[in-house]
Amino acid sequence: MAQLSDEELIRATLAGDQAAFAELVRRYQRRVTVTIRSVIGDLSQDDLADIAQDIFLLAYRSLGSFRGDSQFGTYLTRIALRHCYRESKRRKRRGSIFYSFDKGSADDRPAEERFDSGLRTDRDVIADERKGDVARALARLPEEFRTVLVLRIVEELSVEEVAEALGISTGTVKSRLYRAKERMRELLVGCDVEFQLDGAL
């Protein structure tokens, strides 16, 4: 399965091969997770898993209408974004959202172990502080800037792919990236964090 292209997996899925779709889920689980966090924010693992499952279910149900005009990853990102925007609005009506952003894997160690100064080096502490600074700055970006930034930097989509996923022009993507960069630099003043985005434009 791992050697098959997305297109081959899609054809196999439409022919009834459930294992083929499971492979697509495996390939794009991280992208969907990052998209959810970039739009909605802080979630429990259960909520995150539920929303991701909803997105993949939507993709599965609409797979027959996928014409291959774009890459499957871009098509899936569009589905994820639409669903996340709806979910975000629903959650905002229920109350405020606290945003957290973590590019890497969650640290599942017990709290007393994670924060025991005897087990943590100064470098670990500084790295965590800087990650927190970036997370708080990202949380304060307007949603359209944050989404473009995450898709371009974290998911490493091209400007063209970001534009296609969001249904906007490449010029708009570049403009939002530039404004996101300037805003992030403003927010990170005094935080001892150097934020570089020049290569992403």
Protein backbone atom coordinates (compact mmCIF):
# COMPACT_ATOMS: atom_id res chain seq x y z
CA MET A 1 0.00 0.00 0.00
CA ALA A 2 2.71 2.45 0.96
CA GLN A 3 4.19 2.25 -2.53
CA LEU A 4 0.94 3.20 -4.27
CA SER A 5 0.27 6.77 -5.37
CA ASP A 6 -2.63 8.76 -3.96
CA GLU A 7 -4.49 8.30 -7.23
CA GLU A 8 -4.08 4.54 -7.08
CA LEU A 9 -5.26 4.47 -3.48
CA ILE A 10 -8.30 6.54 -4.39
CA ARG A 11 -9.22 4.16 -7.20
CA ALA A 12 -8.78 1.19 -4.86
CA THR A 13 -10.94 2.88 -2.21
CA LEU A 14 -13.72 3.53 -4.71
CA ALA A 15 -13.49 -0.13 -5.67
CA GLY A 16 -14.20 -1.08 -2.06
CA ASP A 17 -10.71 -1.50 -0.59
CA GLN A 18 -10.94 -0.07 2.93
CA ALA A 19 -7.24 -0.62 3.54
CA ALA A 20 -6.48 1.81 0.71
CA PHE A 21 -8.36 4.61 2.42
CA ALA A 22 -6.69 3.74 5.72
CA GLU A 23 -3.36 4.37 3.99
CA LEU A 24 -4.58 7.79 2.80
CA VAL A 25 -5.57 8.59 6.38
CA ARG A 26 -2.12 7.56 7.59
CA ARG A 27 -0.43 9.77 4.98
CA TYR A 28 -2.45 12.88 5.75
CA GLN A 29 -3.20 12.52 9.46
CA ARG A 30 -0.54 15.05 10.45
CA ARG A 31 -1.66 17.61 7.87
CA VAL A 32 -5.26 17.38 9.03
CA THR A 33 -4.20 17.65 12.68
CA VAL A 34 -2.09 20.75 12.01
CA THR A 35 -4.94 22.32 10.03
CA ILE A 36 -7.39 21.70 12.88
CA ARG A 37 -5.05 23.27 15.43
CA SER A 38 -4.26 26.23 13.19
CA VAL A 39 -7.94 27.15 12.82
CA ILE A 40 -9.63 26.00 16.03
CA GLY A 41 -6.82 26.09 18.57
CA ASP A 42 -6.43 24.20 21.81
CA LEU A 43 -8.32 20.92 21.93
CA SER A 44 -8.33 17.79 24.00
CA GLN A 45 -6.97 14.71 22.28
CA ASP A 46 -10.50 13.29 22.14
CA ASP A 47 -11.91 16.42 20.47
CA LEU A 48 -8.99 16.54 18.05
CA ALA A 49 -9.51 12.90 17.11
CA ASP A 50 -13.26 13.41 16.67
CA ILE A 51 -12.82 16.40 14.37
CA ALA A 52 -10.14 14.62 12.33
CA GLN A 53 -12.44 11.61 12.00
CA ASP A 54 -15.25 13.89 10.78
CA ILE A 55 -12.95 15.42 8.17
CA PHE A 56 -11.78 12.07 6.84
CA LEU A 57 -15.38 10.85 6.76
CA LEU A 58 -16.35 13.90 4.70
CA ALA A 59 -13.44 13.21 2.37
CA TYR A 60 -14.43 9.55 2.06
CA ARG A 61 -18.02 10.40 1.23
CA SER A 62 -16.99 12.93 -1.41
CA LEU A 63 -14.22 10.85 -2.94
CA GLY A 64 -16.34 9.92 -5.92
CA SER A 65 -16.50 13.60 -6.93
CA PHE A 66 -12.72 14.06 -6.77
CA ARG A 67 -11.62 14.66 -10.36
CA GLY A 68 -7.91 14.91 -9.85
CA ASP A 69 -7.74 18.56 -10.90
CA SER A 70 -5.54 19.15 -7.86
CA GLN A 71 -3.46 16.96 -5.59
CA PHE A 72 -5.47 14.91 -3.11
CA GLY A 73 -3.65 16.61 -0.21
CA THR A 74 -4.85 20.01 -1.43
CA TYR A 75 -8.38 18.69 -1.90
CA LEU A 76 -8.35 17.25 1.63
CA THR A 77 -6.99 20.51 3.07
CA ARG A 78 -9.91 22.41 1.53
CA ILE A 79 -12.36 20.00 3.14
CA ALA A 80 -10.54 20.30 6.47
CA LEU A 81 -10.52 24.09 6.38
CA ARG A 82 -14.23 24.36 5.57
CA HIS A 83 -15.12 21.96 8.37
CA CYS A 84 -12.79 23.68 10.84
CA TYR A 85 -14.18 27.14 10.06
CA ARG A 86 -17.69 25.85 10.80
CA GLU A 87 -16.51 24.12 13.98
CA SER A 88 -14.58 27.20 15.09
CA LYS A 89 -17.65 29.41 14.73
CA ARG A 90 -19.73 26.91 16.66
CA ARG A 91 -17.20 26.82 19.48
CA LYS A 92 -16.87 30.59 19.60
CA ARG A 93 -20.58 30.83 20.17
CA ARG A 94 -20.16 28.53 23.17
CA GLY A 95 -17.34 30.53 24.71
CA SER A 96 -13.80 31.75 24.31
CA ILE A 97 -11.06 29.58 22.88
CA PHE A 98 -7.56 29.24 24.28
CA TYR A 99 -5.10 28.61 21.47
CA SER A 100 -2.02 26.44 21.68
CA PHE A 101 0.26 25.53 18.83
CA ASP A 102 2.77 22.72 18.85
CA LYS A 103 4.56 21.79 15.67
CA GLY A 104 6.04 18.66 17.22
CA SER A 105 4.66 15.74 19.13
CA ALA A 106 2.90 16.22 22.43
CA ASP A 107 4.96 15.53 25.53
CA ASP A 108 3.09 12.83 27.39
CA ARG A 109 5.39 12.68 30.40
CA PRO A 110 3.83 13.39 33.82
CA ALA A 111 3.82 17.07 34.73
CA GLU A 112 6.11 16.55 37.72
CA GLU A 113 8.67 14.94 35.43
CA ARG A 114 8.39 17.53 32.68
CA PHE A 115 8.89 20.41 35.07
CA ASP A 116 11.38 18.88 37.48
CA SER A 117 14.33 21.27 37.21
CA GLY A 118 16.62 18.43 38.19
CA LEU A 119 15.74 16.60 34.98
CA ARG A 120 15.59 19.58 32.62
CA THR A 121 18.56 21.42 31.23
CA ASP A 122 18.64 25.17 30.76
CA ARG A 123 18.43 24.56 27.03
CA ASP A 124 15.17 22.59 27.51
CA VAL A 125 13.66 25.38 29.59
CA ILE A 126 14.67 28.07 27.10
CA ALA A 127 13.33 26.02 24.17
CA ASP A 128 9.98 25.59 25.93
CA GLU A 129 9.80 29.29 26.73
CA ARG A 130 10.47 30.21 23.12
CA LYS A 131 7.87 27.72 21.88
CA GLY A 132 5.38 29.31 24.25
CA ASP A 133 6.24 32.79 22.98
CA VAL A 134 5.63 31.69 19.38
CA ALA A 135 2.38 29.94 20.35
CA ARG A 136 1.03 33.06 22.04
CA ALA A 137 2.02 35.22 19.08
CA LEU A 138 0.35 32.84 16.63
CA ALA A 139 -2.80 32.89 18.75
CA ARG A 140 -3.01 36.66 18.33
CA LEU A 141 -2.77 36.60 14.54
CA PRO A 142 -6.00 37.05 12.60
CA GLU A 143 -7.29 33.66 11.50
CA GLU A 144 -6.63 34.24 7.79
CA PHE A 145 -2.98 35.13 8.50
CA ARG A 146 -2.47 32.23 10.89
CA THR A 147 -3.93 29.69 8.46
CA VAL A 148 -1.74 30.85 5.57
CA LEU A 149 1.31 30.83 7.82
CA VAL A 150 0.68 27.30 9.07
CA LEU A 151 -0.01 25.86 5.63
CA ARG A 152 3.08 27.52 4.14
CA ILE A 153 5.59 27.07 6.98
CA VAL A 154 4.46 24.02 8.93
CA GLU A 155 2.94 21.99 6.11
CA GLU A 156 5.46 23.36 3.61
CA LEU A 157 2.86 23.80 0.87
CA SER A 158 3.89 25.95 -2.05
CA VAL A 159 2.35 29.40 -2.45
CA GLU A 160 0.31 27.97 -5.34
CA GLU A 161 -0.94 25.06 -3.22
CA VAL A 162 -1.93 27.38 -0.38
CA ALA A 163 -3.81 29.59 -2.84
CA GLU A 164 -5.64 26.60 -4.28
CA ALA A 165 -6.52 25.19 -0.86
CA LEU A 166 -7.93 28.52 0.35
CA GLY A 167 -9.50 29.60 -2.95
CA ILE A 168 -7.51 32.83 -3.13
CA SER A 169 -4.90 34.25 -5.49
CA THR A 170 -1.17 33.69 -5.08
CA GLY A 171 -0.83 37.45 -4.68
CA THR A 172 -3.20 37.35 -1.71
CA VAL A 173 -1.24 34.49 -0.19
CA LYS A 174 2.00 36.44 -0.49
CA SER A 175 0.40 39.55 0.94
CA ARG A 176 -0.97 37.66 3.94
CA LEU A 177 2.37 35.94 4.51
CA TYR A 178 4.17 39.28 4.47
CA ARG A 179 1.70 40.85 6.88
CA ALA A 180 1.83 37.75 9.10
CA LYS A 181 5.62 38.00 9.18
CA GLU A 182 5.56 41.65 10.17
CA ARG A 183 2.91 41.05 12.82
CA MET A 184 4.79 38.08 14.27
CA ARG A 185 7.97 40.14 14.52
CA GLU A 186 6.05 42.87 16.35
CA LEU A 187 4.52 40.37 18.75
CA LEU A 188 7.85 38.69 19.45
CA VAL A 189 9.79 41.87 20.25
CA GLY A 190 11.64 41.33 23.50
CA CYS A 191 11.04 37.57 23.49
CA ASP A 192 14.53 36.57 22.31
CA VAL A 193 12.96 34.73 19.35
CA GLU A 194 14.06 35.36 15.78
CA PHE A 195 11.19 34.82 13.38
CA GLN A 196 12.21 34.26 9.77
CA LEU A 197 9.74 34.04 6.90
CA ASP A 198 11.72 35.50 4.02
CA GLY A 199 12.19 32.16 2.28
CA ALA A 200 8.45 31.46 2.35
CA LEU A 201 7.41 34.41 0.20
